[in-house]
Amino acid sequence: MRRTDVPMFLVASGWAYLLWSGLDGLLAIRSRHIPGYPATGQLVLYAAIPALALALLAAGFTLSRTARWFYDIYPLVVVASAFAFFPVILAWGGGV
């Protein structure tokens, strides 16, 4: 395990928690059978963005193991994903 893997796993666990709780919330909204809910914006915020972030982190992790040229870019991917986490949290809780 490299020293850049620990922060990646911490950031990925944050995104995984957002994806898990977002999907749980979307399923709860859908179970109420209210017309128009869940809205497209809710699907994007609560499911698509965390899934995309997790996919990018997984791709970065895989590329850092296989492609030698990506090894130097890998910490930047982790930091960018960590910085993207906070605006999503602000919108997630309605604090924008």
N, C-alpha and C. Protein backbone atom coordinates (compact mmCIF):
# COMPACT_ATOMS: atom_id res chain seq x y z
N MET A 1 0.83 -1.17 0.00
CA MET A 1 0.00 0.00 0.00
C MET A 1 0.89 1.24 0.00
N ARG A 2 0.58 2.15 -0.88
CA ARG A 2 1.36 3.38 -0.97
C ARG A 2 0.80 4.43 -0.03
N ARG A 3 1.59 5.47 0.19
CA ARG A 3 1.13 6.51 1.12
C ARG A 3 -0.01 7.32 0.54
N THR A 4 -0.18 7.35 -0.77
CA THR A 4 -1.31 8.06 -1.36
C THR A 4 -2.59 7.23 -1.36
N ASP A 5 -2.50 5.96 -1.01
CA ASP A 5 -3.69 5.12 -1.00
C ASP A 5 -4.58 5.38 0.22
N VAL A 6 -3.99 5.75 1.34
CA VAL A 6 -4.78 5.99 2.55
C VAL A 6 -5.72 7.18 2.36
N PRO A 7 -5.25 8.34 1.88
CA PRO A 7 -6.20 9.43 1.63
C PRO A 7 -7.23 9.07 0.57
N MET A 8 -6.84 8.28 -0.43
CA MET A 8 -7.80 7.88 -1.46
C MET A 8 -8.91 7.05 -0.85
N PHE A 9 -8.57 6.12 0.04
CA PHE A 9 -9.60 5.30 0.66
C PHE A 9 -10.49 6.12 1.59
N LEU A 10 -9.94 7.14 2.25
CA LEU A 10 -10.76 8.01 3.07
C LEU A 10 -11.74 8.82 2.23
N VAL A 11 -11.26 9.37 1.13
CA VAL A 11 -12.14 10.14 0.23
C VAL A 11 -13.17 9.22 -0.40
N ALA A 12 -12.75 8.05 -0.82
CA ALA A 12 -13.69 7.10 -1.44
C ALA A 12 -14.74 6.64 -0.44
N SER A 13 -14.37 6.49 0.82
CA SER A 13 -15.38 6.09 1.80
C SER A 13 -16.41 7.19 2.03
N GLY A 14 -15.98 8.44 1.95
CA GLY A 14 -16.94 9.55 2.03
C GLY A 14 -17.91 9.55 0.87
N TRP A 15 -17.39 9.36 -0.34
CA TRP A 15 -18.26 9.29 -1.52
C TRP A 15 -19.16 8.06 -1.46
N ALA A 16 -18.64 6.95 -0.96
CA ALA A 16 -19.46 5.73 -0.86
C ALA A 16 -20.60 5.93 0.14
N TYR A 17 -20.32 6.64 1.23
CA TYR A 17 -21.39 6.93 2.19
C TYR A 17 -22.46 7.82 1.55
N LEU A 18 -22.03 8.82 0.79
CA LEU A 18 -23.01 9.67 0.12
C LEU A 18 -23.84 8.87 -0.88
N LEU A 19 -23.22 7.99 -1.61
CA LEU A 19 -23.95 7.17 -2.57
C LEU A 19 -24.94 6.25 -1.84
N TRP A 20 -24.50 5.62 -0.78
CA TRP A 20 -25.36 4.71 -0.03
C TRP A 20 -26.57 5.45 0.55
N SER A 21 -26.33 6.56 1.21
CA SER A 21 -27.44 7.29 1.82
C SER A 21 -28.31 7.96 0.76
N GLY A 22 -27.72 8.37 -0.35
CA GLY A 22 -28.51 8.96 -1.43
C GLY A 22 -29.44 7.95 -2.07
N LEU A 23 -28.93 6.76 -2.33
CA LEU A 23 -29.80 5.73 -2.91
C LEU A 23 -30.89 5.32 -1.93
N ASP A 24 -30.57 5.26 -0.65
CA ASP A 24 -31.58 4.94 0.35
C ASP A 24 -32.67 6.02 0.39
N GLY A 25 -32.26 7.27 0.32
CA GLY A 25 -33.23 8.36 0.29
C GLY A 25 -34.09 8.36 -0.96
N LEU A 26 -33.47 8.08 -2.11
CA LEU A 26 -34.23 8.04 -3.35
C LEU A 26 -35.24 6.89 -3.35
N LEU A 27 -34.85 5.76 -2.80
CA LEU A 27 -35.79 4.64 -2.71
C LEU A 27 -36.94 4.96 -1.75
N ALA A 28 -36.65 5.70 -0.68
CA ALA A 28 -37.70 6.09 0.25
C ALA A 28 -38.66 7.08 -0.40
N ILE A 29 -38.13 8.00 -1.20
CA ILE A 29 -38.99 8.95 -1.92
C ILE A 29 -39.85 8.20 -2.93
N ARG A 30 -39.26 7.28 -3.64
CA ARG A 30 -40.00 6.53 -4.66
C ARG A 30 -41.10 5.67 -4.05
N SER A 31 -40.89 5.17 -2.84
CA SER A 31 -41.88 4.29 -2.22
C SER A 31 -43.15 5.04 -1.82
N ARG A 32 -43.09 6.35 -1.76
CA ARG A 32 -44.27 7.13 -1.38
C ARG A 32 -45.20 7.39 -2.57
N HIS A 33 -44.77 7.12 -3.77
CA HIS A 33 -45.57 7.25 -4.99
C HIS A 33 -46.12 8.66 -5.18
N ILE A 34 -45.29 9.66 -4.94
CA ILE A 34 -45.68 11.05 -5.16
C ILE A 34 -45.33 11.39 -6.60
N PRO A 35 -46.29 11.93 -7.37
CA PRO A 35 -46.00 12.26 -8.77
C PRO A 35 -44.90 13.32 -8.88
N GLY A 36 -43.94 13.08 -9.75
CA GLY A 36 -42.85 14.01 -9.99
C GLY A 36 -41.65 13.84 -9.10
N TYR A 37 -41.71 12.92 -8.17
CA TYR A 37 -40.58 12.69 -7.28
C TYR A 37 -40.11 11.26 -7.41
N PRO A 38 -38.89 10.97 -7.40
CA PRO A 38 -37.75 11.87 -7.30
C PRO A 38 -37.52 12.62 -8.61
N ALA A 39 -37.19 13.87 -8.47
CA ALA A 39 -36.93 14.73 -9.63
C ALA A 39 -35.57 14.40 -10.22
N THR A 40 -35.34 14.87 -11.42
CA THR A 40 -34.08 14.61 -12.11
C THR A 40 -32.90 15.19 -11.33
N GLY A 41 -33.07 16.37 -10.77
CA GLY A 41 -32.00 16.98 -9.98
C GLY A 41 -31.65 16.16 -8.75
N GLN A 42 -32.66 15.55 -8.15
CA GLN A 42 -32.39 14.69 -7.00
C GLN A 42 -31.62 13.45 -7.42
N LEU A 43 -31.97 12.88 -8.55
CA LEU A 43 -31.24 11.70 -9.05
C LEU A 43 -29.78 12.03 -9.32
N VAL A 44 -29.56 13.20 -9.90
CA VAL A 44 -28.18 13.60 -10.23
C VAL A 44 -27.38 13.85 -8.96
N LEU A 45 -27.95 14.63 -8.03
CA LEU A 45 -27.20 14.98 -6.81
C LEU A 45 -26.97 13.80 -5.90
N TYR A 46 -28.00 12.98 -5.70
CA TYR A 46 -27.90 11.94 -4.70
C TYR A 46 -27.38 10.60 -5.22
N ALA A 47 -27.36 10.40 -6.53
CA ALA A 47 -26.87 9.12 -7.06
C ALA A 47 -25.77 9.28 -8.09
N ALA A 48 -25.97 10.14 -9.08
CA ALA A 48 -25.03 10.22 -10.20
C ALA A 48 -23.68 10.83 -9.81
N ILE A 49 -23.70 11.91 -9.06
CA ILE A 49 -22.43 12.57 -8.70
C ILE A 49 -21.57 11.69 -7.80
N PRO A 50 -22.12 11.10 -6.73
CA PRO A 50 -21.26 10.20 -5.93
C PRO A 50 -20.79 8.96 -6.71
N ALA A 51 -21.65 8.42 -7.59
CA ALA A 51 -21.23 7.26 -8.38
C ALA A 51 -20.12 7.64 -9.36
N LEU A 52 -20.22 8.82 -9.96
CA LEU A 52 -19.18 9.28 -10.87
C LEU A 52 -17.87 9.51 -10.13
N ALA A 53 -17.94 10.10 -8.95
CA ALA A 53 -16.72 10.32 -8.17
C ALA A 53 -16.07 9.00 -7.76
N LEU A 54 -16.88 8.05 -7.35
CA LEU A 54 -16.32 6.73 -7.01
C LEU A 54 -15.71 6.05 -8.23
N ALA A 55 -16.36 6.17 -9.38
CA ALA A 55 -15.81 5.56 -10.60
C ALA A 55 -14.49 6.22 -10.99
N LEU A 56 -14.40 7.54 -10.85
CA LEU A 56 -13.14 8.21 -11.17
C LEU A 56 -12.03 7.83 -10.20
N LEU A 57 -12.36 7.71 -8.92
CA LEU A 57 -11.35 7.27 -7.96
C LEU A 57 -10.90 5.83 -8.22
N ALA A 58 -11.85 4.97 -8.57
CA ALA A 58 -11.48 3.58 -8.88
C ALA A 58 -10.62 3.51 -10.14
N ALA A 59 -10.97 4.32 -11.14
CA ALA A 59 -10.15 4.35 -12.36
C ALA A 59 -8.77 4.91 -12.07
N GLY A 60 -8.70 5.95 -11.24
CA GLY A 60 -7.39 6.50 -10.87
C GLY A 60 -6.55 5.51 -10.10
N PHE A 61 -7.17 4.78 -9.19
CA PHE A 61 -6.45 3.77 -8.43
C PHE A 61 -5.92 2.67 -9.35
N THR A 62 -6.76 2.22 -10.28
CA THR A 62 -6.35 1.16 -11.20
C THR A 62 -5.26 1.65 -12.14
N LEU A 63 -5.42 2.86 -12.67
CA LEU A 63 -4.39 3.39 -13.57
C LEU A 63 -3.07 3.62 -12.85
N SER A 64 -3.14 4.02 -11.59
CA SER A 64 -1.88 4.24 -10.86
C SER A 64 -1.12 2.94 -10.63
N ARG A 65 -1.83 1.83 -10.63
CA ARG A 65 -1.18 0.52 -10.47
C ARG A 65 -0.64 -0.02 -11.78
N THR A 66 -1.28 0.33 -12.90
CA THR A 66 -0.91 -0.28 -14.17
C THR A 66 -0.12 0.65 -15.09
N ALA A 67 -0.46 1.92 -15.13
CA ALA A 67 0.19 2.85 -16.05
C ALA A 67 1.22 3.69 -15.30
N ARG A 68 2.44 3.59 -15.72
CA ARG A 68 3.52 4.30 -15.05
C ARG A 68 3.39 5.81 -15.18
N TRP A 69 2.85 6.28 -16.29
CA TRP A 69 2.71 7.72 -16.51
C TRP A 69 1.66 8.34 -15.60
N PHE A 70 0.72 7.55 -15.10
CA PHE A 70 -0.36 8.08 -14.27
C PHE A 70 0.03 8.16 -12.80
N TYR A 71 1.13 7.55 -12.42
CA TYR A 71 1.53 7.51 -11.02
C TYR A 71 1.72 8.91 -10.44
N ASP A 72 2.24 9.85 -11.24
CA ASP A 72 2.45 11.22 -10.76
C ASP A 72 1.15 12.02 -10.72
N ILE A 73 0.17 11.65 -11.53
CA ILE A 73 -1.10 12.39 -11.60
C ILE A 73 -2.07 11.89 -10.53
N TYR A 74 -1.86 10.71 -10.04
CA TYR A 74 -2.77 10.07 -9.09
C TYR A 74 -3.06 10.92 -7.85
N PRO A 75 -2.07 11.53 -7.19
CA PRO A 75 -2.40 12.38 -6.02
C PRO A 75 -3.28 13.57 -6.40
N LEU A 76 -3.12 14.09 -7.59
CA LEU A 76 -3.96 15.21 -8.02
C LEU A 76 -5.42 14.78 -8.17
N VAL A 77 -5.65 13.56 -8.64
CA VAL A 77 -7.01 13.04 -8.77
C VAL A 77 -7.64 12.90 -7.39
N VAL A 78 -6.89 12.43 -6.43
CA VAL A 78 -7.41 12.26 -5.07
C VAL A 78 -7.73 13.61 -4.45
N VAL A 79 -6.85 14.58 -4.62
CA VAL A 79 -7.08 15.92 -4.06
C VAL A 79 -8.26 16.59 -4.73
N ALA A 80 -8.38 16.46 -6.04
CA ALA A 80 -9.52 17.06 -6.75
C ALA A 80 -10.84 16.44 -6.30
N SER A 81 -10.83 15.15 -6.08
CA SER A 81 -12.04 14.49 -5.60
C SER A 81 -12.37 14.91 -4.16
N ALA A 82 -11.35 15.12 -3.36
CA ALA A 82 -11.59 15.58 -1.99
C ALA A 82 -12.15 17.01 -1.98
N PHE A 83 -11.62 17.88 -2.84
CA PHE A 83 -12.14 19.23 -2.91
C PHE A 83 -13.55 19.27 -3.49
N ALA A 84 -13.89 18.35 -4.37
CA ALA A 84 -15.23 18.30 -4.94
C ALA A 84 -16.24 17.77 -3.93
N PHE A 85 -15.77 17.12 -2.90
CA PHE A 85 -16.66 16.54 -1.89
C PHE A 85 -17.40 17.63 -1.11
N PHE A 86 -16.72 18.71 -0.78
CA PHE A 86 -17.30 19.73 0.09
C PHE A 86 -18.43 20.53 -0.56
N PRO A 87 -18.34 20.96 -1.82
CA PRO A 87 -19.50 21.61 -2.42
C PRO A 87 -20.72 20.68 -2.54
N VAL A 88 -20.47 19.41 -2.76
CA VAL A 88 -21.58 18.46 -2.82
C VAL A 88 -22.22 18.35 -1.46
N ILE A 89 -21.43 18.32 -0.39
CA ILE A 89 -21.99 18.28 0.96
C ILE A 89 -22.83 19.52 1.24
N LEU A 90 -22.38 20.68 0.79
CA LEU A 90 -23.17 21.89 1.00
C LEU A 90 -24.52 21.82 0.29
N ALA A 91 -24.52 21.35 -0.94
CA ALA A 91 -25.78 21.22 -1.68
C ALA A 91 -26.62 20.08 -1.12
N TRP A 92 -25.98 19.06 -0.62
CA TRP A 92 -26.67 17.88 -0.08
C TRP A 92 -27.55 18.27 1.11
N GLY A 93 -27.03 19.08 1.98
CA GLY A 93 -27.77 19.47 3.17
C GLY A 93 -28.64 20.69 2.98
N GLY A 94 -28.64 21.26 1.80
CA GLY A 94 -29.46 22.44 1.55
C GLY A 94 -28.83 23.72 2.07
N GLY A 95 -27.54 23.71 2.28
CA GLY A 95 -26.87 24.88 2.84
C GLY A 95 -26.34 25.86 1.82
N VAL A 96 -26.80 25.77 0.59
CA VAL A 96 -26.31 26.69 -0.43
C VAL A 96 -27.19 27.89 -0.50
